[in-house]
Amino acid sequence: MSSFYSWGKILIYIGIIMTLTGFIIMKFDINFSWFGHLFGDIRIERNNFKLFIPLTSMLIITVILNLIIFLIKLLM
């Protein structure tokens, strides 16, 4: 039963972090137009075909999420 309690706490912390991040982005009008246009993101555009593979962008998101999970586990 205690494992469900700890999962609930983790989900609450994630929700609080996401809410605060969204508020900061809206309040300070942070522009992420560079995201998705990084050096390792692959774009192929032809006549009737578009392919977008955001390798570097997804790598950055993975690193950030892993750091957040590590910090949550460290605090619990």
PDB file of N, CA and C in Angstrom:
ATOM      1  N   MET A   1       0.817  -1.190   0.000  1.00  0.00           N
ATOM      2  CA  MET A   1       0.000   0.000   0.000  1.00  0.00           C
ATOM      3  C   MET A   1       0.862   1.255   0.000  1.00  0.00           C
ATOM      4  N   SER A   2       2.034   1.199   0.593  1.00  0.00           N
ATOM      5  CA  SER A   2       2.877   2.386   0.656  1.00  0.00           C
ATOM      6  C   SER A   2       3.469   2.728  -0.712  1.00  0.00           C
ATOM      7  N   SER A   3       3.588   1.742  -1.636  1.00  0.00           N
ATOM      8  CA  SER A   3       4.128   2.063  -2.953  1.00  0.00           C
ATOM      9  C   SER A   3       3.154   2.938  -3.734  1.00  0.00           C
ATOM     10  N   PHE A   4       1.839   2.728  -3.540  1.00  0.00           N
ATOM     11  CA  PHE A   4       0.864   3.590  -4.195  1.00  0.00           C
ATOM     12  C   PHE A   4       0.938   5.009  -3.639  1.00  0.00           C
ATOM     13  N   TYR A   5       1.196   5.107  -2.359  1.00  0.00           N
ATOM     14  CA  TYR A   5       1.321   6.421  -1.718  1.00  0.00           C
ATOM     15  C   TYR A   5       2.522   7.172  -2.281  1.00  0.00           C
ATOM     16  N   SER A   6       3.648   6.476  -2.466  1.00  0.00           N
ATOM     17  CA  SER A   6       4.831   7.149  -3.000  1.00  0.00           C
ATOM     18  C   SER A   6       4.610   7.533  -4.468  1.00  0.00           C
ATOM     19  N   TRP A   7       3.917   6.699  -5.245  1.00  0.00           N
ATOM     20  CA  TRP A   7       3.608   7.059  -6.633  1.00  0.00           C
ATOM     21  C   TRP A   7       2.702   8.274  -6.677  1.00  0.00           C
ATOM     22  N   GLY A   8       1.775   8.349  -5.739  1.00  0.00           N
ATOM     23  CA  GLY A   8       0.905   9.518  -5.680  1.00  0.00           C
ATOM     24  C   GLY A   8       1.682  10.789  -5.396  1.00  0.00           C
ATOM     25  N   LYS A   9       2.641  10.701  -4.487  1.00  0.00           N
ATOM     26  CA  LYS A   9       3.479  11.861  -4.172  1.00  0.00           C
ATOM     27  C   LYS A   9       4.307  12.273  -5.383  1.00  0.00           C
ATOM     28  N   ILE A  10       4.845  11.299  -6.096  1.00  0.00           N
ATOM     29  CA  ILE A  10       5.641  11.605  -7.291  1.00  0.00           C
ATOM     30  C   ILE A  10       4.781  12.313  -8.328  1.00  0.00           C
ATOM     31  N   LEU A  11       3.563  11.818  -8.549  1.00  0.00           N
ATOM     32  CA  LEU A  11       2.685  12.442  -9.534  1.00  0.00           C
ATOM     33  C   LEU A  11       2.287  13.855  -9.116  1.00  0.00           C
ATOM     34  N   ILE A  12       2.082  14.067  -7.840  1.00  0.00           N
ATOM     35  CA  ILE A  12       1.762  15.413  -7.355  1.00  0.00           C
ATOM     36  C   ILE A  12       2.947  16.348  -7.582  1.00  0.00           C
ATOM     37  N   TYR A  13       4.171  15.902  -7.285  1.00  0.00           N
ATOM     38  CA  TYR A  13       5.353  16.728  -7.512  1.00  0.00           C
ATOM     39  C   TYR A  13       5.528  17.050  -8.994  1.00  0.00           C
ATOM     40  N   ILE A  14       5.321  16.058  -9.850  1.00  0.00           N
ATOM     41  CA  ILE A  14       5.438  16.291 -11.292  1.00  0.00           C
ATOM     42  C   ILE A  14       4.407  17.316 -11.743  1.00  0.00           C
ATOM     43  N   GLY A  15       3.182  17.206 -11.232  1.00  0.00           N
ATOM     44  CA  GLY A  15       2.145  18.164 -11.580  1.00  0.00           C
ATOM     45  C   GLY A  15       2.487  19.566 -11.123  1.00  0.00           C
ATOM     46  N   ILE A  16       3.028  19.695  -9.925  1.00  0.00           N
ATOM     47  CA  ILE A  16       3.422  21.013  -9.414  1.00  0.00           C
ATOM     48  C   ILE A  16       4.543  21.603 -10.267  1.00  0.00           C
ATOM     49  N   ILE A  17       5.519  20.781 -10.620  1.00  0.00           N
ATOM     50  CA  ILE A  17       6.637  21.247 -11.445  1.00  0.00           C
ATOM     51  C   ILE A  17       6.137  21.693 -12.813  1.00  0.00           C
ATOM     52  N   MET A  18       5.240  20.904 -13.424  1.00  0.00           N
ATOM     53  CA  MET A  18       4.712  21.267 -14.740  1.00  0.00           C
ATOM     54  C   MET A  18       3.883  22.554 -14.673  1.00  0.00           C
ATOM     55  N   THR A  19       3.108  22.711 -13.606  1.00  0.00           N
ATOM     56  CA  THR A  19       2.309  23.923 -13.444  1.00  0.00           C
ATOM     57  C   THR A  19       3.198  25.144 -13.275  1.00  0.00           C
ATOM     58  N   LEU A  20       4.222  25.035 -12.439  1.00  0.00           N
ATOM     59  CA  LEU A  20       5.143  26.155 -12.242  1.00  0.00           C
ATOM     60  C   LEU A  20       5.900  26.496 -13.519  1.00  0.00           C
ATOM     61  N   THR A  21       6.326  25.471 -14.252  1.00  0.00           N
ATOM     62  CA  THR A  21       7.026  25.705 -15.515  1.00  0.00           C
ATOM     63  C   THR A  21       6.115  26.418 -16.509  1.00  0.00           C
ATOM     64  N   GLY A  22       4.880  25.966 -16.622  1.00  0.00           N
ATOM     65  CA  GLY A  22       3.929  26.625 -17.517  1.00  0.00           C
ATOM     66  C   GLY A  22       3.660  28.059 -17.119  1.00  0.00           C
ATOM     67  N   PHE A  23       3.536  28.307 -15.818  1.00  0.00           N
ATOM     68  CA  PHE A  23       3.310  29.672 -15.343  1.00  0.00           C
ATOM     69  C   PHE A  23       4.506  30.570 -15.670  1.00  0.00           C
ATOM     70  N   ILE A  24       5.709  30.072 -15.459  1.00  0.00           N
ATOM     71  CA  ILE A  24       6.915  30.865 -15.748  1.00  0.00           C
ATOM     72  C   ILE A  24       7.009  31.170 -17.237  1.00  0.00           C
ATOM     73  N   ILE A  25       6.705  30.178 -18.077  1.00  0.00           N
ATOM     74  CA  ILE A  25       6.762  30.391 -19.528  1.00  0.00           C
ATOM     75  C   ILE A  25       5.735  31.437 -19.953  1.00  0.00           C
ATOM     76  N   MET A  26       4.518  31.360 -19.396  1.00  0.00           N
ATOM     77  CA  MET A  26       3.483  32.342 -19.756  1.00  0.00           C
ATOM     78  C   MET A  26       3.785  33.727 -19.193  1.00  0.00           C
ATOM     79  N   LYS A  27       4.232  33.785 -17.949  1.00  0.00           N
ATOM     80  CA  LYS A  27       4.444  35.067 -17.275  1.00  0.00           C
ATOM     81  C   LYS A  27       5.583  35.875 -17.897  1.00  0.00           C
ATOM     82  N   PHE A  28       6.683  35.210 -18.207  1.00  0.00           N
ATOM     83  CA  PHE A  28       7.855  35.903 -18.723  1.00  0.00           C
ATOM     84  C   PHE A  28       7.967  35.831 -20.238  1.00  0.00           C
ATOM     85  N   ASP A  29       6.934  35.292 -20.902  1.00  0.00           N
ATOM     86  CA  ASP A  29       6.865  35.217 -22.365  1.00  0.00           C
ATOM     87  C   ASP A  29       8.146  34.625 -22.963  1.00  0.00           C
ATOM     88  N   ILE A  30       8.505  33.447 -22.474  1.00  0.00           N
ATOM     89  CA  ILE A  30       9.706  32.758 -22.956  1.00  0.00           C
ATOM     90  C   ILE A  30       9.394  32.126 -24.308  1.00  0.00           C
ATOM     91  N   ASN A  31      10.256  32.361 -25.278  1.00  0.00           N
ATOM     92  CA  ASN A  31      10.044  31.883 -26.635  1.00  0.00           C
ATOM     93  C   ASN A  31      10.960  30.687 -26.904  1.00  0.00           C
ATOM     94  N   PHE A  32      10.357  29.568 -27.273  1.00  0.00           N
ATOM     95  CA  PHE A  32      11.125  28.363 -27.584  1.00  0.00           C
ATOM     96  C   PHE A  32      11.156  28.102 -29.089  1.00  0.00           C
ATOM     97  N   SER A  33      11.259  29.145 -29.899  1.00  0.00           N
ATOM     98  CA  SER A  33      11.245  28.957 -31.347  1.00  0.00           C
ATOM     99  C   SER A  33      12.505  28.229 -31.836  1.00  0.00           C
ATOM    100  N   TRP A  34      13.575  28.263 -31.061  1.00  0.00           N
ATOM    101  CA  TRP A  34      14.804  27.562 -31.433  1.00  0.00           C
ATOM    102  C   TRP A  34      14.658  26.054 -31.265  1.00  0.00           C
ATOM    103  N   PHE A  35      13.703  25.649 -30.418  1.00  0.00           N
ATOM    104  CA  PHE A  35      13.539  24.224 -30.136  1.00  0.00           C
ATOM    105  C   PHE A  35      12.927  23.536 -31.350  1.00  0.00           C
ATOM    106  N   GLY A  36      13.568  22.471 -31.802  1.00  0.00           N
ATOM    107  CA  GLY A  36      13.138  21.780 -33.012  1.00  0.00           C
ATOM    108  C   GLY A  36      13.944  22.203 -34.223  1.00  0.00           C
ATOM    109  N   HIS A  37      14.784  23.203 -34.061  1.00  0.00           N
ATOM    110  CA  HIS A  37      15.645  23.681 -35.148  1.00  0.00           C
ATOM    111  C   HIS A  37      17.106  23.597 -34.728  1.00  0.00           C
ATOM    112  N   LEU A  38      17.432  22.622 -33.904  1.00  0.00           N
ATOM    113  CA  LEU A  38      18.799  22.484 -33.416  1.00  0.00           C
ATOM    114  C   LEU A  38      19.673  21.776 -34.441  1.00  0.00           C
ATOM    115  N   PHE A  39      20.956  21.704 -34.155  1.00  0.00           N
ATOM    116  CA  PHE A  39      21.936  21.196 -35.118  1.00  0.00           C
ATOM    117  C   PHE A  39      21.670  19.745 -35.534  1.00  0.00           C
ATOM    118  N   GLY A  40      21.281  18.881 -34.618  1.00  0.00           N
ATOM    119  CA  GLY A  40      21.109  17.467 -34.944  1.00  0.00           C
ATOM    120  C   GLY A  40      19.711  17.078 -35.379  1.00  0.00           C
ATOM    121  N   ASP A  41      18.793  18.029 -35.477  1.00  0.00           N
ATOM    122  CA  ASP A  41      17.433  17.736 -35.924  1.00  0.00           C
ATOM    123  C   ASP A  41      17.420  17.579 -37.440  1.00  0.00           C
ATOM    124  N   ILE A  42      16.823  16.501 -37.902  1.00  0.00           N
ATOM    125  CA  ILE A  42      16.838  16.176 -39.328  1.00  0.00           C
ATOM    126  C   ILE A  42      15.549  16.676 -39.973  1.00  0.00           C
ATOM    127  N   ARG A  43      15.700  17.456 -41.037  1.00  0.00           N
ATOM    128  CA  ARG A  43      14.562  17.944 -41.832  1.00  0.00           C
ATOM    129  C   ARG A  43      14.805  17.594 -43.287  1.00  0.00           C
ATOM    130  N   ILE A  44      13.830  16.902 -43.875  1.00  0.00           N
ATOM    131  CA  ILE A  44      13.882  16.598 -45.299  1.00  0.00           C
ATOM    132  C   ILE A  44      12.576  17.088 -45.906  1.00  0.00           C
ATOM    133  N   GLU A  45      12.673  18.013 -46.840  1.00  0.00           N
ATOM    134  CA  GLU A  45      11.487  18.551 -47.497  1.00  0.00           C
ATOM    135  C   GLU A  45      11.632  18.373 -49.003  1.00  0.00           C
ATOM    136  N   ARG A  46      10.677  17.663 -49.590  1.00  0.00           N
ATOM    137  CA  ARG A  46      10.637  17.460 -51.041  1.00  0.00           C
ATOM    138  C   ARG A  46       9.335  18.053 -51.570  1.00  0.00           C
ATOM    139  N   ASN A  47       8.995  17.734 -52.798  1.00  0.00           N
ATOM    140  CA  ASN A  47       7.794  18.294 -53.404  1.00  0.00           C
ATOM    141  C   ASN A  47       6.538  17.945 -52.602  1.00  0.00           C
ATOM    142  N   ASN A  48       6.263  16.667 -52.421  1.00  0.00           N
ATOM    143  CA  ASN A  48       5.058  16.238 -51.711  1.00  0.00           C
ATOM    144  C   ASN A  48       5.388  15.497 -50.424  1.00  0.00           C
ATOM    145  N   PHE A  49       6.543  15.738 -49.866  1.00  0.00           N
ATOM    146  CA  PHE A  49       7.002  14.931 -48.743  1.00  0.00           C
ATOM    147  C   PHE A  49       7.774  15.803 -47.752  1.00  0.00           C
ATOM    148  N   LYS A  50       7.416  15.663 -46.478  1.00  0.00           N
ATOM    149  CA  LYS A  50       8.154  16.345 -45.409  1.00  0.00           C
ATOM    150  C   LYS A  50       8.456  15.332 -44.320  1.00  0.00           C
ATOM    151  N   LEU A  51       9.703  15.315 -43.869  1.00  0.00           N
ATOM    152  CA  LEU A  51      10.128  14.423 -42.801  1.00  0.00           C
ATOM    153  C   LEU A  51      10.898  15.246 -41.774  1.00  0.00           C
ATOM    154  N   PHE A  52      10.496  15.101 -40.519  1.00  0.00           N
ATOM    155  CA  PHE A  52      11.156  15.827 -39.445  1.00  0.00           C
ATOM    156  C   PHE A  52      11.468  14.846 -38.335  1.00  0.00           C
ATOM    157  N   ILE A  53      12.751  14.692 -38.002  1.00  0.00           N
ATOM    158  CA  ILE A  53      13.190  13.800 -36.927  1.00  0.00           C
ATOM    159  C   ILE A  53      13.997  14.651 -35.940  1.00  0.00           C
ATOM    160  N   PRO A  54      13.392  14.999 -34.796  1.00  0.00           N
ATOM    161  CA  PRO A  54      14.064  15.898 -33.843  1.00  0.00           C
ATOM    162  C   PRO A  54      14.994  15.154 -32.882  1.00  0.00           C
ATOM    163  N   LEU A  55      16.116  14.672 -33.377  1.00  0.00           N
ATOM    164  CA  LEU A  55      17.037  13.877 -32.556  1.00  0.00           C
ATOM    165  C   LEU A  55      17.612  14.677 -31.392  1.00  0.00           C
ATOM    166  N   THR A  56      18.193  15.812 -31.674  1.00  0.00           N
ATOM    167  CA  THR A  56      18.832  16.601 -30.622  1.00  0.00           C
ATOM    168  C   THR A  56      17.810  17.151 -29.635  1.00  0.00           C
ATOM    169  N   SER A  57      16.670  17.580 -30.129  1.00  0.00           N
ATOM    170  CA  SER A  57      15.635  18.110 -29.242  1.00  0.00           C
ATOM    171  C   SER A  57      15.146  17.043 -28.273  1.00  0.00           C
ATOM    172  N   MET A  58      14.923  15.829 -28.764  1.00  0.00           N
ATOM    173  CA  MET A  58      14.464  14.746 -27.896  1.00  0.00           C
ATOM    174  C   MET A  58      15.555  14.314 -26.922  1.00  0.00           C
ATOM    175  N   LEU A  59      16.808  14.425 -27.326  1.00  0.00           N
ATOM    176  CA  LEU A  59      17.909  14.112 -26.418  1.00  0.00           C
ATOM    177  C   LEU A  59      17.938  15.096 -25.257  1.00  0.00           C
ATOM    178  N   ILE A  60      17.718  16.372 -25.548  1.00  0.00           N
ATOM    179  CA  ILE A  60      17.684  17.386 -24.499  1.00  0.00           C
ATOM    180  C   ILE A  60      16.520  17.130 -23.550  1.00  0.00           C
ATOM    181  N   ILE A  61      15.346  16.808 -24.086  1.00  0.00           N
ATOM    182  CA  ILE A  61      14.185  16.518 -23.241  1.00  0.00           C
ATOM    183  C   ILE A  61      14.454  15.301 -22.361  1.00  0.00           C
ATOM    184  N   THR A  62      15.085  14.273 -22.911  1.00  0.00           N
ATOM    185  CA  THR A  62      15.402  13.074 -22.145  1.00  0.00           C
ATOM    186  C   THR A  62      16.335  13.388 -20.987  1.00  0.00           C
ATOM    187  N   VAL A  63      17.366  14.180 -21.231  1.00  0.00           N
ATOM    188  CA  VAL A  63      18.312  14.540 -20.172  1.00  0.00           C
ATOM    189  C   VAL A  63      17.612  15.339 -19.079  1.00  0.00           C
ATOM    190  N   ILE A  64      16.778  16.292 -19.459  1.00  0.00           N
ATOM    191  CA  ILE A  64      16.070  17.110 -18.471  1.00  0.00           C
ATOM    192  C   ILE A  64      15.120  16.252 -17.644  1.00  0.00           C
ATOM    193  N   LEU A  65      14.358  15.367 -18.292  1.00  0.00           N
ATOM    194  CA  LEU A  65      13.434  14.504 -17.548  1.00  0.00           C
ATOM    195  C   LEU A  65      14.173  13.547 -16.617  1.00  0.00           C
ATOM    196  N   ASN A  66      15.315  13.022 -17.061  1.00  0.00           N
ATOM    197  CA  ASN A  66      16.102  12.148 -16.193  1.00  0.00           C
ATOM    198  C   ASN A  66      16.632  12.904 -14.981  1.00  0.00           C
ATOM    199  N   LEU A  67      17.044  14.146 -15.156  1.00  0.00           N
ATOM    200  CA  LEU A  67      17.501  14.946 -14.020  1.00  0.00           C
ATOM    201  C   LEU A  67      16.362  15.221 -13.041  1.00  0.00           C
ATOM    202  N   ILE A  68      15.179  15.505 -13.568  1.00  0.00           N
ATOM    203  CA  ILE A  68      14.022  15.745 -12.703  1.00  0.00           C
ATOM    204  C   ILE A  68      13.677  14.493 -11.905  1.00  0.00           C
ATOM    205  N   ILE A  69      13.654  13.345 -12.568  1.00  0.00           N
ATOM    206  CA  ILE A  69      13.351  12.084 -11.879  1.00  0.00           C
ATOM    207  C   ILE A  69      14.411  11.777 -10.833  1.00  0.00           C
ATOM    208  N   PHE A  70      15.685  12.014 -11.163  1.00  0.00           N
ATOM    209  CA  PHE A  70      16.757  11.792 -10.207  1.00  0.00           C
ATOM    210  C   PHE A  70      16.587  12.677  -8.977  1.00  0.00           C
ATOM    211  N   LEU A  71      16.255  13.940  -9.189  1.00  0.00           N
ATOM    212  CA  LEU A  71      16.080  14.859  -8.059  1.00  0.00           C
ATOM    213  C   LEU A  71      14.874  14.472  -7.211  1.00  0.00           C
ATOM    214  N   ILE A  72      13.803  14.022  -7.840  1.00  0.00           N
ATOM    215  CA  ILE A  72      12.628  13.585  -7.076  1.00  0.00           C
ATOM    216  C   ILE A  72      12.976  12.363  -6.230  1.00  0.00           C
ATOM    217  N   LYS A  73      13.693  11.403  -6.824  1.00  0.00           N
ATOM    218  CA  LYS A  73      14.087  10.215  -6.063  1.00  0.00           C
ATOM    219  C   LYS A  73      15.055  10.580  -4.933  1.00  0.00           C
ATOM    220  N   LEU A  74      15.893  11.554  -5.170  1.00  0.00           N
ATOM    221  CA  LEU A  74      16.854  11.985  -4.157  1.00  0.00           C
ATOM    222  C   LEU A  74      16.138  12.640  -2.969  1.00  0.00           C
ATOM    223  N   LEU A  75      15.083  13.370  -3.248  1.00  0.00           N
ATOM    224  CA  LEU A  75      14.352  14.061  -2.195  1.00  0.00           C
ATOM    225  C   LEU A  75      13.416  13.150  -1.423  1.00  0.00           C
ATOM    226  N   MET A  76      13.072  12.012  -1.974  1.00  0.00           N
ATOM    227  CA  MET A  76      12.131  11.115  -1.286  1.00  0.00           C
ATOM    228  C   MET A  76      12.835  10.148  -0.418  1.00  0.00           C
TER     229      MET A  76
END
